[in-house]
Every structure is written in C-alpha cells, then in structure tokens.
Amino acid sequence: MIAVPSGTAALIFDCDGTLVDTLPLYLRGWLAALQSEAAHEVAPEWFHGRGGLSEHMVLDLMEAELGRVLDRPAIVRAARRNVLSAMADLREIAVVADLARRYRGTLPMAVASSGSREIVTASLTRTGLLELFDTIVTIDDVARPKPAPDLFLEAARRLGAAPECCLVLEDSAEGLAAANHAGMLRVDIRPYIRPATP
C-alpha cells in the first residue's frame, strides 16, 4: 500500500500510467497515426520508456530521427482520435485509484498531466475517477510540460497548498523530475504495480 506521509497537505496525481492504464491505448493510437499521417512505420519498442513525454516532445524526437518536418497538427489529431476511440478498453490502476478514493474529502486532490485536457477528462470520466478530484491541470493550462515543474506548481496553486506539503504520485522519470523541481514530495508508483498476468 502506498503511504502518505504525515504533514501532507494535498495529493497530486499524474494521469496516464498512474491513475489509468492509457499507455497501451497511446501506443496503438500513435503507431496508427504515424502510419496514416506520416507514412512512417515505427517499431512499438521505440515508445518504450517514453510514456512521460508530451505529444510535442515525442514529435521532436521523431523529427530528429527522420530528418524531416512532420505534419504535427494532423498527427496529433489522428493520435488523439485513435486514443479516444479506444476508451472502452481503458482500466484504472487500482492501487493508485484506491488511494484517491481513500483520501477524497480528507485532503485536496488534483490531477496534473502532460496529456491533453480532452483525453485526460475522457479517461477519468470513463473510469469514474473524475469526481474524486478538486481540479485537473493539463498541458493545455501551462507553458511547459514535465520535467518542468509548471503542471505541479499550478495544481498546488489551485489547491491552495504549499508545494513542499504536496505529495506527487508519478510513473515516469519526467514526472518525478518535475515534482522534484517543484520542491514536492514524490512517490514512484511503478514498484506498487504488479506485472499483468498473461
């Protein structure tokens, strides 16, 4: 069970890969979007370890590797459409979702995600988690994605909590770095997630 240290004034959750298992949906959505909009086939392994990157960070890497400019708006639109169309397959990550349920009404809570508001809201609505949170902060609300601290600092501001009293729950190196830059306590949730059984 994930422990919340005494003195914690607010909880801030990442969304993708932390509260909900969207990463398989993003993988399929992006592979199809790159094929349809850029005529480029990418090995699924290319995305390994890149789950914490924003859409434009992914496209920066892709353009650098390909040595050409991509139609970013078309790729992002297609990828988002693909993810949204696969929402029926989405599942919560129980160990983290249960923590949010346990602290609802006890501590102020936010979601802070480098994802788009459209997908974050759809994901939390689909899994019944949206109502647990006092505020949702997405890449649409700040200038810089993780590992910059902007998302977490904006979440703390909205919750009225001092950054040093906030506990961040994250699953990516970028997110954990962002929490560190924000001066917040942090928990890497990956050790708490059991590998899926075949």
N, C-alpha and C. Protein backbone atom coordinates (compact mmCIF):
# COMPACT_ATOMS: atom_id res chain seq x y z
N MET A 1 0.84 -1.19 0.00
CA MET A 1 0.00 0.00 0.00
C MET A 1 0.88 1.25 0.00
N ILE A 2 0.49 2.25 -0.77
CA ILE A 2 1.24 3.49 -0.84
C ILE A 2 0.97 4.31 0.42
N ALA A 3 2.05 4.76 1.06
CA ALA A 3 1.91 5.53 2.30
C ALA A 3 1.91 7.02 2.00
N VAL A 4 1.06 7.75 2.71
CA VAL A 4 1.02 9.21 2.62
C VAL A 4 1.66 9.75 3.89
N PRO A 5 2.79 10.47 3.77
CA PRO A 5 3.48 10.96 4.97
C PRO A 5 2.63 11.94 5.77
N SER A 6 2.81 11.93 7.07
CA SER A 6 2.11 12.90 7.91
C SER A 6 2.59 14.30 7.53
N GLY A 7 1.71 15.26 7.60
CA GLY A 7 2.05 16.62 7.19
C GLY A 7 1.73 16.91 5.75
N THR A 8 1.32 15.88 4.99
CA THR A 8 0.93 16.10 3.59
C THR A 8 -0.36 16.92 3.56
N ALA A 9 -0.33 18.01 2.80
CA ALA A 9 -1.48 18.91 2.74
C ALA A 9 -2.33 18.70 1.50
N ALA A 10 -1.77 18.07 0.47
CA ALA A 10 -2.51 17.85 -0.78
C ALA A 10 -1.86 16.72 -1.56
N LEU A 11 -2.67 16.05 -2.35
CA LEU A 11 -2.18 14.97 -3.22
C LEU A 11 -2.34 15.40 -4.67
N ILE A 12 -1.29 15.16 -5.45
CA ILE A 12 -1.32 15.49 -6.88
C ILE A 12 -0.95 14.22 -7.65
N PHE A 13 -1.84 13.81 -8.53
CA PHE A 13 -1.68 12.57 -9.29
C PHE A 13 -1.39 12.85 -10.75
N ASP A 14 -0.41 12.16 -11.30
CA ASP A 14 -0.30 12.06 -12.74
C ASP A 14 -1.51 11.25 -13.21
N CYS A 15 -1.81 11.31 -14.50
CA CYS A 15 -2.95 10.54 -15.02
C CYS A 15 -2.49 9.28 -15.76
N ASP A 16 -1.87 9.46 -16.92
CA ASP A 16 -1.51 8.35 -17.80
C ASP A 16 -0.43 7.48 -17.17
N GLY A 17 -0.74 6.21 -16.96
CA GLY A 17 0.21 5.28 -16.39
C GLY A 17 0.26 5.33 -14.88
N THR A 18 -0.50 6.24 -14.28
CA THR A 18 -0.52 6.37 -12.82
C THR A 18 -1.92 6.06 -12.29
N LEU A 19 -2.91 6.83 -12.71
CA LEU A 19 -4.30 6.57 -12.32
C LEU A 19 -4.98 5.59 -13.27
N VAL A 20 -4.66 5.71 -14.55
CA VAL A 20 -5.31 4.89 -15.58
C VAL A 20 -4.27 4.32 -16.53
N ASP A 21 -4.56 3.14 -17.05
CA ASP A 21 -3.61 2.43 -17.91
C ASP A 21 -3.81 2.82 -19.37
N THR A 22 -3.54 4.08 -19.67
CA THR A 22 -3.73 4.58 -21.03
C THR A 22 -2.56 4.27 -21.95
N LEU A 23 -1.42 3.86 -21.39
CA LEU A 23 -0.24 3.73 -22.23
C LEU A 23 -0.43 2.75 -23.39
N PRO A 24 -1.10 1.60 -23.22
CA PRO A 24 -1.36 0.74 -24.39
C PRO A 24 -2.22 1.43 -25.45
N LEU A 25 -3.16 2.27 -25.01
CA LEU A 25 -4.03 2.99 -25.95
C LEU A 25 -3.21 4.02 -26.72
N TYR A 26 -2.33 4.73 -26.01
CA TYR A 26 -1.47 5.71 -26.68
C TYR A 26 -0.55 5.02 -27.68
N LEU A 27 0.00 3.88 -27.30
CA LEU A 27 0.91 3.18 -28.20
C LEU A 27 0.21 2.84 -29.51
N ARG A 28 -0.95 2.19 -29.41
CA ARG A 28 -1.68 1.84 -30.63
C ARG A 28 -2.10 3.09 -31.41
N GLY A 29 -2.55 4.11 -30.68
CA GLY A 29 -3.02 5.34 -31.33
C GLY A 29 -1.93 6.07 -32.09
N TRP A 30 -0.75 6.14 -31.49
CA TRP A 30 0.37 6.82 -32.13
C TRP A 30 0.94 6.02 -33.30
N LEU A 31 1.05 4.73 -33.14
CA LEU A 31 1.56 3.91 -34.25
C LEU A 31 0.67 4.07 -35.48
N ALA A 32 -0.65 4.03 -35.26
CA ALA A 32 -1.58 4.18 -36.38
C ALA A 32 -1.52 5.59 -36.96
N ALA A 33 -1.39 6.61 -36.10
CA ALA A 33 -1.35 8.00 -36.59
C ALA A 33 -0.10 8.26 -37.40
N LEU A 34 1.03 7.75 -36.97
CA LEU A 34 2.27 7.96 -37.72
C LEU A 34 2.21 7.24 -39.07
N GLN A 35 1.57 6.07 -39.09
CA GLN A 35 1.41 5.35 -40.35
C GLN A 35 0.49 6.10 -41.31
N SER A 36 -0.64 6.58 -40.80
CA SER A 36 -1.63 7.22 -41.68
C SER A 36 -1.26 8.64 -42.07
N GLU A 37 -0.64 9.39 -41.15
CA GLU A 37 -0.40 10.81 -41.41
C GLU A 37 1.03 11.14 -41.84
N ALA A 38 1.97 10.22 -41.57
CA ALA A 38 3.36 10.49 -41.92
C ALA A 38 3.96 9.38 -42.78
N ALA A 39 3.14 8.37 -43.09
CA ALA A 39 3.61 7.22 -43.88
C ALA A 39 4.89 6.65 -43.28
N HIS A 40 4.91 6.59 -41.96
CA HIS A 40 6.11 6.10 -41.28
C HIS A 40 5.73 5.01 -40.28
N GLU A 41 6.35 3.86 -40.45
CA GLU A 41 6.12 2.76 -39.52
C GLU A 41 7.17 2.81 -38.42
N VAL A 42 6.70 2.74 -37.19
CA VAL A 42 7.57 2.81 -36.03
C VAL A 42 7.45 1.49 -35.28
N ALA A 43 8.59 0.96 -34.85
CA ALA A 43 8.55 -0.25 -34.02
C ALA A 43 7.94 0.12 -32.67
N PRO A 44 7.04 -0.71 -32.16
CA PRO A 44 6.44 -0.41 -30.86
C PRO A 44 7.47 -0.16 -29.77
N GLU A 45 8.64 -0.82 -29.87
CA GLU A 45 9.69 -0.66 -28.86
C GLU A 45 10.23 0.76 -28.81
N TRP A 46 10.05 1.53 -29.89
CA TRP A 46 10.55 2.91 -29.91
C TRP A 46 9.93 3.73 -28.79
N PHE A 47 8.70 3.40 -28.43
CA PHE A 47 7.99 4.18 -27.41
C PHE A 47 8.33 3.73 -25.99
N HIS A 48 9.09 2.65 -25.85
CA HIS A 48 9.42 2.14 -24.51
C HIS A 48 10.19 3.20 -23.72
N GLY A 49 9.70 3.51 -22.52
CA GLY A 49 10.36 4.50 -21.68
C GLY A 49 10.05 5.93 -22.03
N ARG A 50 9.14 6.13 -23.01
CA ARG A 50 8.82 7.50 -23.43
C ARG A 50 7.39 7.88 -23.06
N GLY A 51 6.79 7.10 -22.14
CA GLY A 51 5.41 7.35 -21.74
C GLY A 51 5.20 8.66 -21.02
N GLY A 52 6.26 9.25 -20.46
CA GLY A 52 6.12 10.51 -19.74
C GLY A 52 6.31 11.74 -20.61
N LEU A 53 6.54 11.54 -21.90
CA LEU A 53 6.78 12.68 -22.79
C LEU A 53 5.46 13.27 -23.31
N SER A 54 5.46 14.59 -23.49
CA SER A 54 4.29 15.23 -24.10
C SER A 54 4.27 14.91 -25.59
N GLU A 55 3.14 15.21 -26.22
CA GLU A 55 3.00 14.92 -27.66
C GLU A 55 4.10 15.59 -28.47
N HIS A 56 4.39 16.84 -28.17
CA HIS A 56 5.38 17.56 -28.97
C HIS A 56 6.80 17.12 -28.67
N MET A 57 7.05 16.62 -27.47
CA MET A 57 8.36 16.04 -27.17
C MET A 57 8.57 14.77 -27.99
N VAL A 58 7.52 13.95 -28.12
CA VAL A 58 7.60 12.75 -28.96
C VAL A 58 7.88 13.14 -30.41
N LEU A 59 7.19 14.16 -30.88
CA LEU A 59 7.37 14.58 -32.27
C LEU A 59 8.74 15.22 -32.49
N ASP A 60 9.28 15.91 -31.49
CA ASP A 60 10.65 16.44 -31.60
C ASP A 60 11.64 15.31 -31.86
N LEU A 61 11.52 14.24 -31.07
CA LEU A 61 12.42 13.09 -31.23
C LEU A 61 12.23 12.42 -32.59
N MET A 62 10.96 12.28 -32.99
CA MET A 62 10.67 11.62 -34.26
C MET A 62 11.24 12.42 -35.44
N GLU A 63 11.05 13.73 -35.41
CA GLU A 63 11.58 14.57 -36.50
C GLU A 63 13.11 14.53 -36.54
N ALA A 64 13.72 14.52 -35.36
CA ALA A 64 15.18 14.46 -35.32
C ALA A 64 15.70 13.16 -35.93
N GLU A 65 15.01 12.06 -35.65
CA GLU A 65 15.43 10.77 -36.19
C GLU A 65 15.19 10.67 -37.69
N LEU A 66 14.06 11.22 -38.13
CA LEU A 66 13.70 11.12 -39.55
C LEU A 66 14.42 12.15 -40.41
N GLY A 67 14.83 13.26 -39.78
CA GLY A 67 15.48 14.33 -40.53
C GLY A 67 14.52 15.08 -41.42
N ARG A 68 13.24 15.10 -41.05
CA ARG A 68 12.26 15.86 -41.82
C ARG A 68 11.16 16.39 -40.89
N VAL A 69 10.49 17.43 -41.41
CA VAL A 69 9.40 18.03 -40.64
C VAL A 69 8.12 17.24 -40.88
N LEU A 70 7.41 16.97 -39.80
CA LEU A 70 6.16 16.23 -39.89
C LEU A 70 4.97 17.17 -39.78
N ASP A 71 3.83 16.72 -40.25
CA ASP A 71 2.59 17.49 -40.11
C ASP A 71 2.06 17.26 -38.69
N ARG A 72 2.60 18.03 -37.75
CA ARG A 72 2.28 17.81 -36.34
C ARG A 72 0.79 17.91 -36.02
N PRO A 73 0.10 18.93 -36.48
CA PRO A 73 -1.33 19.01 -36.15
C PRO A 73 -2.11 17.79 -36.62
N ALA A 74 -1.80 17.30 -37.82
CA ALA A 74 -2.52 16.13 -38.35
C ALA A 74 -2.21 14.88 -37.53
N ILE A 75 -0.94 14.70 -37.16
CA ILE A 75 -0.56 13.52 -36.39
C ILE A 75 -1.20 13.56 -35.00
N VAL A 76 -1.14 14.72 -34.36
CA VAL A 76 -1.73 14.84 -33.01
C VAL A 76 -3.23 14.61 -33.06
N ARG A 77 -3.91 15.19 -34.06
CA ARG A 77 -5.36 14.97 -34.19
C ARG A 77 -5.68 13.50 -34.36
N ALA A 78 -4.94 12.84 -35.24
CA ALA A 78 -5.19 11.42 -35.51
C ALA A 78 -4.90 10.57 -34.27
N ALA A 79 -3.80 10.86 -33.59
CA ALA A 79 -3.43 10.07 -32.40
C ALA A 79 -4.49 10.24 -31.31
N ARG A 80 -4.92 11.47 -31.08
CA ARG A 80 -5.95 11.71 -30.06
C ARG A 80 -7.26 11.02 -30.42
N ARG A 81 -7.62 11.11 -31.69
CA ARG A 81 -8.86 10.45 -32.15
C ARG A 81 -8.77 8.95 -31.92
N ASN A 82 -7.61 8.37 -32.22
CA ASN A 82 -7.42 6.93 -32.03
C ASN A 82 -7.52 6.54 -30.55
N VAL A 83 -6.91 7.35 -29.67
CA VAL A 83 -6.96 7.05 -28.24
C VAL A 83 -8.40 7.15 -27.73
N LEU A 84 -9.09 8.21 -28.13
CA LEU A 84 -10.47 8.40 -27.67
C LEU A 84 -11.38 7.27 -28.15
N SER A 85 -11.12 6.76 -29.34
CA SER A 85 -11.97 5.70 -29.88
C SER A 85 -11.73 4.36 -29.18
N ALA A 86 -10.62 4.26 -28.43
CA ALA A 86 -10.30 3.00 -27.74
C ALA A 86 -10.62 3.06 -26.25
N MET A 87 -11.34 4.07 -25.80
CA MET A 87 -11.61 4.25 -24.36
C MET A 87 -12.35 3.07 -23.72
N ALA A 88 -13.08 2.32 -24.52
CA ALA A 88 -13.80 1.16 -23.94
C ALA A 88 -12.83 0.16 -23.32
N ASP A 89 -11.57 0.17 -23.78
CA ASP A 89 -10.56 -0.77 -23.27
C ASP A 89 -9.84 -0.25 -22.03
N LEU A 90 -10.12 0.98 -21.63
CA LEU A 90 -9.35 1.62 -20.55
C LEU A 90 -9.70 1.05 -19.18
N ARG A 91 -8.68 0.85 -18.36
CA ARG A 91 -8.85 0.38 -16.99
C ARG A 91 -8.09 1.29 -16.03
N GLU A 92 -8.60 1.40 -14.82
CA GLU A 92 -7.88 2.15 -13.79
C GLU A 92 -6.70 1.34 -13.28
N ILE A 93 -5.77 2.01 -12.65
CA ILE A 93 -4.67 1.35 -11.94
C ILE A 93 -5.08 1.35 -10.48
N ALA A 94 -5.55 0.20 -10.03
CA ALA A 94 -6.31 0.11 -8.78
C ALA A 94 -5.57 0.62 -7.56
N VAL A 95 -4.29 0.31 -7.42
CA VAL A 95 -3.57 0.70 -6.20
C VAL A 95 -3.53 2.22 -6.04
N VAL A 96 -3.49 2.93 -7.17
CA VAL A 96 -3.45 4.40 -7.11
C VAL A 96 -4.86 4.98 -7.04
N ALA A 97 -5.77 4.43 -7.84
CA ALA A 97 -7.16 4.90 -7.80
C ALA A 97 -7.77 4.70 -6.41
N ASP A 98 -7.43 3.60 -5.77
CA ASP A 98 -7.96 3.34 -4.43
C ASP A 98 -7.42 4.35 -3.41
N LEU A 99 -6.18 4.77 -3.59
CA LEU A 99 -5.62 5.81 -2.72
C LEU A 99 -6.41 7.11 -2.87
N ALA A 100 -6.73 7.47 -4.11
CA ALA A 100 -7.52 8.68 -4.34
C ALA A 100 -8.90 8.56 -3.69
N ARG A 101 -9.51 7.40 -3.81
CA ARG A 101 -10.81 7.21 -3.18
C ARG A 101 -10.71 7.34 -1.65
N ARG A 102 -9.62 6.81 -1.11
CA ARG A 102 -9.45 6.81 0.35
C ARG A 102 -9.31 8.23 0.89
N TYR A 103 -8.68 9.12 0.11
CA TYR A 103 -8.42 10.48 0.61
C TYR A 103 -9.42 11.52 0.10
N ARG A 104 -10.39 11.09 -0.69
CA ARG A 104 -11.42 12.03 -1.16
C ARG A 104 -12.14 12.62 0.04
N GLY A 105 -12.17 13.96 0.12
CA GLY A 105 -12.84 14.63 1.22
C GLY A 105 -11.96 14.80 2.45
N THR A 106 -10.78 14.17 2.44
CA THR A 106 -9.83 14.30 3.55
C THR A 106 -8.71 15.27 3.21
N LEU A 107 -8.16 15.11 2.00
CA LEU A 107 -7.13 16.02 1.50
C LEU A 107 -7.57 16.58 0.14
N PRO A 108 -7.22 17.83 -0.15
CA PRO A 108 -7.48 18.32 -1.50
C PRO A 108 -6.62 17.54 -2.50
N MET A 109 -7.19 17.26 -3.67
CA MET A 109 -6.50 16.43 -4.66
C MET A 109 -6.65 17.00 -6.06
N ALA A 110 -5.57 16.85 -6.84
CA ALA A 110 -5.56 17.31 -8.22
C ALA A 110 -4.96 16.23 -9.11
N VAL A 111 -5.26 16.35 -10.39
CA VAL A 111 -4.56 15.60 -11.43
C VAL A 111 -3.73 16.60 -12.21
N ALA A 112 -2.46 16.27 -12.47
CA ALA A 112 -1.58 17.14 -13.24
C ALA A 112 -0.92 16.28 -14.31
N SER A 113 -1.29 16.50 -15.57
CA SER A 113 -0.89 15.62 -16.66
C SER A 113 -0.33 16.40 -17.85
N SER A 114 0.70 15.84 -18.47
CA SER A 114 1.23 16.41 -19.72
C SER A 114 0.34 16.06 -20.91
N GLY A 115 -0.73 15.32 -20.66
CA GLY A 115 -1.68 14.98 -21.71
C GLY A 115 -2.64 16.12 -21.99
N SER A 116 -3.43 15.96 -23.05
CA SER A 116 -4.43 16.98 -23.41
C SER A 116 -5.63 16.89 -22.47
N ARG A 117 -6.30 18.02 -22.29
CA ARG A 117 -7.49 18.04 -21.44
C ARG A 117 -8.55 17.07 -21.98
N GLU A 118 -8.67 17.00 -23.28
CA GLU A 118 -9.67 16.14 -23.91
C GLU A 118 -9.49 14.68 -23.49
N ILE A 119 -8.25 14.19 -23.58
CA ILE A 119 -8.01 12.78 -23.26
C ILE A 119 -8.01 12.53 -21.76
N VAL A 120 -7.42 13.44 -20.99
CA VAL A 120 -7.40 13.27 -19.53
C VAL A 120 -8.83 13.24 -18.99
N THR A 121 -9.66 14.16 -19.42
CA THR A 121 -11.04 14.21 -18.94
C THR A 121 -11.80 12.96 -19.37
N ALA A 122 -11.61 12.54 -20.61
CA ALA A 122 -12.28 11.33 -21.09
C ALA A 122 -11.83 10.10 -20.32
N SER A 123 -10.55 10.01 -20.02
CA SER A 123 -10.01 8.86 -19.29
C SER A 123 -10.57 8.78 -17.88
N LEU A 124 -10.59 9.91 -17.18
CA LEU A 124 -11.08 9.94 -15.81
C LEU A 124 -12.59 9.74 -15.75
N THR A 125 -13.29 10.23 -16.76
CA THR A 125 -14.74 10.04 -16.82
C THR A 125 -15.06 8.58 -17.07
N ARG A 126 -14.34 7.98 -18.02
CA ARG A 126 -14.58 6.58 -18.38
C ARG A 126 -14.40 5.64 -17.18
N THR A 127 -13.41 5.94 -16.34
CA THR A 127 -13.10 5.08 -15.20
C THR A 127 -13.83 5.49 -13.92
N GLY A 128 -14.63 6.55 -14.00
CA GLY A 128 -15.38 7.00 -12.82
C GLY A 128 -14.54 7.71 -11.79
N LEU A 129 -13.37 8.19 -12.17
CA LEU A 129 -12.46 8.83 -11.22
C LEU A 129 -12.55 10.36 -11.22
N LEU A 130 -13.15 10.94 -12.23
CA LEU A 130 -13.14 12.39 -12.38
C LEU A 130 -13.67 13.11 -11.14
N GLU A 131 -14.74 12.60 -10.57
CA GLU A 131 -15.40 13.28 -9.45
C GLU A 131 -14.56 13.28 -8.17
N LEU A 132 -13.49 12.50 -8.14
CA LEU A 132 -12.65 12.46 -6.93
C LEU A 132 -11.78 13.69 -6.77
N PHE A 133 -11.57 14.43 -7.86
CA PHE A 133 -10.55 15.47 -7.85
C PHE A 133 -11.13 16.88 -7.83
N ASP A 134 -10.41 17.75 -7.11
CA ASP A 134 -10.84 19.14 -6.98
C ASP A 134 -10.49 19.96 -8.20
N THR A 135 -9.43 19.59 -8.90
CA THR A 135 -9.04 20.31 -10.10
C THR A 135 -8.22 19.40 -11.00
N ILE A 136 -8.25 19.69 -12.30
CA ILE A 136 -7.49 18.96 -13.31
C ILE A 136 -6.62 19.97 -14.05
N VAL A 137 -5.32 19.72 -14.08
CA VAL A 137 -4.39 20.59 -14.80
C VAL A 137 -3.76 19.77 -15.92
N THR A 138 -3.80 20.29 -17.14
CA THR A 138 -3.22 19.56 -18.28
C THR A 138 -2.25 20.46 -19.03
N ILE A 139 -1.65 19.89 -20.05
CA ILE A 139 -0.70 20.65 -20.87
C ILE A 139 -1.36 21.87 -21.49
N ASP A 140 -2.68 21.86 -21.61
CA ASP A 140 -3.40 23.00 -22.17
C ASP A 140 -3.41 24.19 -21.22
N ASP A 141 -3.00 24.00 -19.97
CA ASP A 141 -3.07 25.05 -18.95
C ASP A 141 -1.73 25.70 -18.63
N VAL A 142 -0.63 25.15 -19.11
CA VAL A 142 0.69 25.66 -18.73
C VAL A 142 1.58 25.80 -19.96
N ALA A 143 2.71 26.49 -19.76
CA ALA A 143 3.61 26.75 -20.88
C ALA A 143 4.51 25.56 -21.19
N ARG A 144 4.91 24.81 -20.14
CA ARG A 144 5.91 23.77 -20.34
C ARG A 144 5.45 22.43 -19.76
N PRO A 145 5.73 21.33 -20.47
CA PRO A 145 5.38 20.00 -19.95
C PRO A 145 6.42 19.54 -18.93
N LYS A 146 6.14 18.43 -18.27
CA LYS A 146 7.14 17.78 -17.44
C LYS A 146 8.34 17.42 -18.34
N PRO A 147 9.57 17.55 -17.86
CA PRO A 147 10.04 17.64 -16.49
C PRO A 147 10.07 19.04 -15.89
N ALA A 148 9.55 20.05 -16.60
CA ALA A 148 9.40 21.36 -15.96
C ALA A 148 8.37 21.24 -14.84
N PRO A 149 8.44 22.08 -13.81
CA PRO A 149 7.54 21.95 -12.66
C PRO A 149 6.18 22.61 -12.85
N ASP A 150 5.93 23.21 -14.01
CA ASP A 150 4.75 24.07 -14.21
C ASP A 150 3.42 23.40 -13.84
N LEU A 151 3.23 22.16 -14.29
CA LEU A 151 1.95 21.48 -14.04
C LEU A 151 1.71 21.29 -12.55
N PHE A 152 2.72 20.85 -11.84
CA PHE A 152 2.56 20.60 -10.41
C PHE A 152 2.40 21.90 -9.61
N LEU A 153 3.14 22.92 -10.00
CA LEU A 153 3.02 24.20 -9.29
C LEU A 153 1.64 24.81 -9.52
N GLU A 154 1.10 24.67 -10.72
CA GLU A 154 -0.25 25.18 -10.99
C GLU A 154 -1.29 24.39 -10.20
N ALA A 155 -1.10 23.08 -10.11
CA ALA A 155 -2.03 22.26 -9.31
C ALA A 155 -2.00 22.68 -7.85
N ALA A 156 -0.80 22.89 -7.29
CA ALA A 156 -0.68 23.32 -5.89
C ALA A 156 -1.34 24.68 -5.69
N ARG A 157 -1.13 25.57 -6.65
CA ARG A 157 -1.75 26.90 -6.55
C ARG A 157 -3.26 26.79 -6.50
N ARG A 158 -3.82 25.98 -7.38
CA ARG A 158 -5.27 25.83 -7.42
C ARG A 158 -5.81 25.18 -6.14
N LEU A 159 -5.02 24.31 -5.55
CA LEU A 159 -5.46 23.63 -4.33
C LEU A 159 -5.21 24.47 -3.08
N GLY A 160 -4.45 25.56 -3.23
CA GLY A 160 -4.13 26.40 -2.08
C GLY A 160 -3.15 25.74 -1.13
N ALA A 161 -2.25 24.91 -1.68
CA ALA A 161 -1.30 24.17 -0.86
C ALA A 161 0.14 24.59 -1.17
N ALA A 162 0.97 24.66 -0.14
CA ALA A 162 2.38 24.96 -0.35
C ALA A 162 3.03 23.78 -1.07
N PRO A 163 3.87 24.04 -2.08
CA PRO A 163 4.48 22.94 -2.83
C PRO A 163 5.18 21.91 -1.95
N GLU A 164 5.88 22.37 -0.93
CA GLU A 164 6.63 21.43 -0.09
C GLU A 164 5.73 20.51 0.74
N CYS A 165 4.44 20.82 0.80
CA CYS A 165 3.48 19.99 1.53
C CYS A 165 2.63 19.12 0.62
N CYS A 166 2.97 19.12 -0.68
CA CYS A 166 2.22 18.30 -1.64
C CYS A 166 2.96 16.99 -1.89
N LEU A 167 2.19 15.91 -2.04
CA LEU A 167 2.73 14.61 -2.41
C LEU A 167 2.30 14.30 -3.83
N VAL A 168 3.27 14.04 -4.69
CA VAL A 168 3.01 13.72 -6.10
C VAL A 168 3.15 12.22 -6.30
N LEU A 169 2.19 11.65 -7.05
CA LEU A 169 2.24 10.23 -7.43
C LEU A 169 2.48 10.17 -8.93
N GLU A 170 3.55 9.50 -9.32
CA GLU A 170 4.03 9.52 -10.71
C GLU A 170 4.55 8.15 -11.14
N ASP A 171 4.61 7.97 -12.47
CA ASP A 171 5.14 6.71 -13.01
C ASP A 171 6.26 6.94 -14.00
N SER A 172 6.68 8.17 -14.23
CA SER A 172 7.71 8.41 -15.25
C SER A 172 8.86 9.22 -14.67
N ALA A 173 10.02 9.07 -15.31
CA ALA A 173 11.21 9.84 -14.91
C ALA A 173 10.95 11.34 -15.07
N GLU A 174 10.25 11.71 -16.15
CA GLU A 174 9.97 13.13 -16.39
C GLU A 174 9.08 13.70 -15.30
N GLY A 175 8.06 12.92 -14.91
CA GLY A 175 7.14 13.38 -13.87
C GLY A 175 7.80 13.48 -12.51
N LEU A 176 8.63 12.51 -12.18
CA LEU A 176 9.33 12.54 -10.90
C LEU A 176 10.31 13.71 -10.86
N ALA A 177 10.97 13.98 -11.99
CA ALA A 177 11.87 15.15 -12.05
C ALA A 177 11.09 16.45 -11.90
N ALA A 178 9.91 16.52 -12.51
CA ALA A 178 9.08 17.72 -12.40
C ALA A 178 8.67 17.96 -10.95
N ALA A 179 8.29 16.88 -10.25
CA ALA A 179 7.92 17.01 -8.84
C ALA A 179 9.11 17.49 -8.01
N ASN A 180 10.28 16.96 -8.31
CA ASN A 180 11.50 17.37 -7.61
C ASN A 180 11.78 18.85 -7.86
N HIS A 181 11.66 19.29 -9.13
CA HIS A 181 11.89 20.70 -9.47
C HIS A 181 10.88 21.60 -8.77
N ALA A 182 9.68 21.07 -8.52
CA ALA A 182 8.64 21.85 -7.84
C ALA A 182 8.83 21.87 -6.32
N GLY A 183 9.79 21.10 -5.83
CA GLY A 183 10.05 21.04 -4.40
C GLY A 183 9.03 20.22 -3.63
N MET A 184 8.45 19.23 -4.30
CA MET A 184 7.38 18.43 -3.70
C MET A 184 7.86 17.05 -3.30
N LEU A 185 7.17 16.45 -2.34
CA LEU A 185 7.37 15.05 -2.02
C LEU A 185 6.87 14.23 -3.20
N ARG A 186 7.43 13.05 -3.39
CA ARG A 186 7.02 12.27 -4.56
C ARG A 186 7.12 10.78 -4.28
N VAL A 187 6.25 10.04 -4.96
CA VAL A 187 6.25 8.59 -4.89
C VAL A 187 6.26 8.05 -6.31
N ASP A 188 7.22 7.18 -6.60
CA ASP A 188 7.25 6.45 -7.86
C ASP A 188 6.31 5.26 -7.68
N ILE A 189 5.21 5.25 -8.41
CA ILE A 189 4.20 4.21 -8.19
C ILE A 189 4.54 2.90 -8.88
N ARG A 190 5.55 2.89 -9.72
CA ARG A 190 5.83 1.68 -10.51
C ARG A 190 6.10 0.43 -9.66
N PRO A 191 6.82 0.54 -8.53
CA PRO A 191 7.03 -0.68 -7.73
C PRO A 191 5.74 -1.24 -7.12
N TYR A 192 4.68 -0.43 -7.05
CA TYR A 192 3.43 -0.87 -6.44
C TYR A 192 2.50 -1.56 -7.44
N ILE A 193 2.86 -1.50 -8.71
CA ILE A 193 2.01 -2.09 -9.75
C ILE A 193 2.53 -3.48 -10.09
N ARG A 194 1.70 -4.45 -9.89
CA ARG A 194 2.09 -5.83 -10.22
C ARG A 194 2.08 -6.01 -11.74
N PRO A 195 3.05 -6.75 -12.27
CA PRO A 195 3.01 -7.05 -13.71
C PRO A 195 1.73 -7.78 -14.07
N ALA A 196 1.21 -7.45 -15.23
CA ALA A 196 -0.02 -8.13 -15.68
C ALA A 196 0.26 -9.61 -15.91
N THR A 197 -0.68 -10.46 -15.54
CA THR A 197 -0.52 -11.88 -15.78
C THR A 197 -0.91 -12.20 -17.21
N PRO A 198 -0.20 -13.13 -17.85
CA PRO A 198 -0.51 -13.45 -19.25
C PRO A 198 -1.87 -14.10 -19.39
